[in-house]
Amino acid sequence: MHKHKIVVAIGGSSGSLYAKLLLDRLATLKDQWEAVGVVMTGNGKVNWELELGSFDASVYPFDFYEKNDFNAPFASGSAKYGTMLVCPCSMGLMARIATGVSQDLITRAADVVLKERRRLIVVPRETPLSLIHLRNMVTITEAGGIICPAIPSFYSGAETKEEIALTVVDRVLDLAGFELESYRWGE
């Protein structure tokens, strides 16, 4: 089985629950990945602590990087990180990705993933959307990225907010090529 090398970027929009569940789920899929590098914006950390309490990287089996650490392996295409997940993604971060503004590790890594024709999955969490937001989504899509909004499904019978949010996380991981147990329509 192919083992993934994956970047997880946690942006500064509301929706830290999605990021937490993504990290939790990836930790359970350890047999499917070789490396997971995580980088969080300053506002990502603020929102995590506001919405979920203190952030403790030590509970996860991943490599964590500072937002300006351009020595991180996924700052270069030669490291062959095949997938990048930006979850949640603020509209400002999405705009910087769409316009190629590589001012920090997250935007540099997204730039690398797109230029190498690898998989970029952006999980915006914002409403309503302006025309600028929509055009940035189109730009990322035309460049090869996937826009997967944090819009949960309800047909699985999920009851708790965690179960509802997990419908988005599982969809993101499906798009990233992971094999996982999840509710499947019609099964």
Protein backbone atom coordinates (compact mmCIF):
# COMPACT_ATOMS: atom_id res chain seq x y z
CA MET A 1 0.00 0.00 0.00
CA HIS A 2 1.20 3.51 -0.86
CA LYS A 3 1.88 5.58 2.26
CA HIS A 4 0.98 9.26 2.11
CA LYS A 5 3.21 12.22 2.87
CA ILE A 6 0.75 14.92 3.79
CA VAL A 7 0.70 18.55 4.90
CA VAL A 8 -2.09 19.79 7.14
CA ALA A 9 -2.50 23.55 7.36
CA ILE A 10 -4.84 24.94 9.99
CA GLY A 11 -6.08 28.38 8.98
CA GLY A 12 -7.61 31.13 11.04
CA SER A 13 -11.30 30.85 10.30
CA SER A 14 -13.84 29.54 12.74
CA GLY A 15 -14.21 25.77 12.54
CA SER A 16 -11.36 24.46 14.67
CA LEU A 17 -13.46 21.38 15.34
CA TYR A 18 -12.85 20.34 11.73
CA ALA A 19 -9.09 20.67 12.21
CA LYS A 20 -9.15 18.73 15.49
CA LEU A 21 -11.23 15.91 14.02
CA LEU A 22 -8.94 15.81 10.98
CA LEU A 23 -5.86 15.42 13.18
CA ASP A 24 -7.65 12.86 15.37
CA ARG A 25 -8.74 10.83 12.33
CA LEU A 26 -5.27 10.98 10.72
CA ALA A 27 -3.77 9.69 13.98
CA THR A 28 -5.98 6.59 13.66
CA LEU A 29 -4.84 6.06 10.06
CA LYS A 30 -1.14 5.83 10.94
CA ASP A 31 -0.69 2.73 8.81
CA GLN A 32 -1.57 4.80 5.71
CA TRP A 33 0.88 7.68 6.06
CA GLU A 34 4.64 8.02 6.11
CA ALA A 35 4.75 11.64 7.30
CA VAL A 36 2.29 14.29 8.41
CA GLY A 37 3.55 17.84 8.71
CA VAL A 38 1.27 20.33 10.46
CA VAL A 39 1.47 24.10 10.39
CA MET A 40 -1.01 26.47 12.02
CA THR A 41 -1.53 30.18 11.50
CA GLY A 42 -1.52 32.49 14.51
CA ASN A 43 -5.26 33.03 14.13
CA GLY A 44 -5.70 29.29 13.73
CA LYS A 45 -4.26 28.81 17.20
CA VAL A 46 -6.32 31.67 18.63
CA ASN A 47 -9.52 30.19 17.19
CA TRP A 48 -8.61 26.67 18.39
CA GLU A 49 -8.18 27.95 21.93
CA LEU A 50 -11.34 30.07 21.73
CA GLU A 51 -13.47 27.23 20.35
CA LEU A 52 -11.86 24.11 21.86
CA GLY A 53 -9.54 25.11 24.70
CA SER A 54 -5.78 24.88 24.81
CA PHE A 55 -3.90 23.36 21.89
CA ASP A 56 -1.45 20.56 22.76
CA ALA A 57 0.64 19.34 19.81
CA SER A 58 2.23 16.62 21.94
CA VAL A 59 -0.94 14.48 21.80
CA TYR A 60 -0.44 13.95 18.07
CA PRO A 61 2.18 11.75 16.31
CA PHE A 62 2.90 14.43 13.71
CA ASP A 63 5.70 16.90 12.98
CA PHE A 64 4.66 20.46 13.79
CA TYR A 65 6.25 23.47 12.09
CA GLU A 66 6.21 27.19 12.75
CA LYS A 67 4.49 29.32 10.13
CA ASN A 68 7.77 30.88 8.96
CA ASP A 69 9.90 27.72 8.94
CA PHE A 70 10.95 27.55 5.29
CA ASN A 71 13.29 24.67 6.18
CA ALA A 72 10.28 22.38 6.58
CA PRO A 73 10.55 19.57 4.02
CA PHE A 74 7.29 20.42 2.28
CA ALA A 75 8.56 23.92 1.44
CA SER A 76 10.21 22.19 -1.53
CA GLY A 77 8.79 19.90 -4.19
CA SER A 78 11.77 17.59 -3.86
CA ALA A 79 10.40 16.28 -0.54
CA LYS A 80 7.49 14.73 -2.48
CA TYR A 81 4.66 15.54 -0.11
CA GLY A 82 1.74 14.43 -2.28
CA THR A 83 -1.22 16.06 -0.57
CA MET A 84 -1.95 19.27 1.31
CA LEU A 85 -5.13 19.86 3.30
CA VAL A 86 -6.01 23.39 4.38
CA CYS A 87 -8.65 22.95 7.08
CA PRO A 88 -10.26 25.24 7.96
CA CYS A 89 -9.29 27.87 5.40
CA SER A 90 -10.05 31.54 5.90
CA MET A 91 -10.91 33.67 2.90
CA GLY A 92 -7.70 35.67 3.35
CA LEU A 93 -5.57 32.52 3.29
CA MET A 94 -7.48 31.24 0.28
CA ALA A 95 -6.86 34.55 -1.52
CA ARG A 96 -3.12 34.32 -0.85
CA ILE A 97 -3.06 30.73 -2.14
CA ALA A 98 -5.09 31.68 -5.23
CA THR A 99 -2.75 34.54 -6.10
CA GLY A 100 0.49 32.70 -5.37
CA VAL A 101 1.55 34.96 -2.50
CA SER A 102 4.07 32.68 -0.77
CA GLN A 103 4.66 34.75 2.34
CA ASP A 104 4.72 31.96 4.92
CA LEU A 105 5.09 28.19 5.12
CA ILE A 106 1.42 27.49 4.40
CA THR A 107 1.25 29.59 1.27
CA ARG A 108 4.67 28.34 0.13
CA ALA A 109 3.59 24.71 0.61
CA ALA A 110 0.34 25.32 -1.30
CA ASP A 111 2.34 26.95 -4.09
CA VAL A 112 4.66 23.92 -4.19
CA VAL A 113 1.80 21.42 -4.26
CA LEU A 114 0.12 23.26 -7.13
CA LYS A 115 3.29 23.76 -9.19
CA GLU A 116 4.19 20.07 -8.77
CA ARG A 117 0.65 19.09 -9.87
CA ARG A 118 -0.05 17.34 -6.60
CA ARG A 119 -3.25 17.35 -4.54
CA LEU A 120 -4.35 20.52 -2.72
CA ILE A 121 -7.65 20.29 -0.85
CA VAL A 122 -8.96 23.56 0.58
CA VAL A 123 -11.75 23.49 3.18
CA PRO A 124 -13.24 26.99 3.34
CA ARG A 125 -15.45 27.81 6.29
CA GLU A 126 -17.19 31.09 5.57
CA THR A 127 -20.65 32.34 4.70
CA PRO A 128 -21.90 34.18 2.77
CA LEU A 129 -19.40 34.20 -0.07
CA SER A 130 -18.51 37.30 -2.04
CA LEU A 131 -17.70 37.30 -5.73
CA ILE A 132 -14.03 37.68 -4.75
CA HIS A 133 -14.23 34.48 -2.66
CA LEU A 134 -15.92 32.60 -5.49
CA ARG A 135 -13.34 33.77 -8.03
CA ASN A 136 -10.51 32.67 -5.73
CA MET A 137 -12.14 29.25 -5.50
CA VAL A 138 -12.34 29.09 -9.29
CA THR A 139 -8.68 30.12 -9.57
CA ILE A 140 -7.57 27.37 -7.18
CA THR A 141 -9.75 24.83 -8.99
CA GLU A 142 -8.36 25.85 -12.38
CA ALA A 143 -4.83 25.48 -10.95
CA GLY A 144 -5.64 21.88 -9.96
CA GLY A 145 -6.84 22.31 -6.37
CA ILE A 146 -10.03 20.92 -4.90
CA ILE A 147 -12.44 23.13 -3.00
CA CYS A 148 -14.32 21.10 -0.38
CA PRO A 149 -16.40 23.51 1.70
CA ALA A 150 -17.07 22.66 5.33
CA ILE A 151 -20.68 21.77 4.56
CA PRO A 152 -21.72 18.69 6.51
CA SER A 153 -24.09 16.01 5.27
CA PHE A 154 -27.03 14.91 7.38
CA TYR A 155 -28.18 11.68 5.72
CA SER A 156 -25.86 9.54 7.86
CA GLY A 157 -27.95 10.13 10.97
CA ALA A 158 -25.16 11.99 12.78
CA GLU A 159 -26.39 13.43 16.06
CA THR A 160 -23.55 15.21 17.85
CA LYS A 161 -21.71 18.20 16.48
CA GLU A 162 -18.58 16.03 16.30
CA GLU A 163 -20.38 13.37 14.23
CA ILE A 164 -21.80 16.06 11.94
CA ALA A 165 -18.39 17.73 11.48
CA LEU A 166 -16.82 14.32 10.86
CA THR A 167 -18.92 13.99 7.69
CA VAL A 168 -16.80 16.81 6.25
CA VAL A 169 -13.50 15.43 7.57
CA ASP A 170 -14.20 11.98 6.17
CA ARG A 171 -15.02 13.50 2.78
CA VAL A 172 -11.74 15.43 2.82
CA LEU A 173 -9.81 12.26 3.67
CA ASP A 174 -11.64 10.38 0.89
CA LEU A 175 -10.54 13.09 -1.54
CA ALA A 176 -6.98 12.74 -0.20
CA GLY A 177 -6.98 9.03 -1.05
CA PHE A 178 -7.22 7.50 2.42
CA GLU A 179 -9.13 4.29 3.06
CA LEU A 180 -11.46 4.71 6.03
CA GLU A 181 -14.66 3.48 7.57
CA SER A 182 -17.35 6.05 6.94
CA TYR A 183 -21.05 6.23 6.16
CA ARG A 184 -21.56 5.62 2.45
CA TRP A 185 -24.73 6.56 0.61
CA GLY A 186 -26.70 3.51 -0.42
CA GLU A 187 -24.55 1.01 1.50
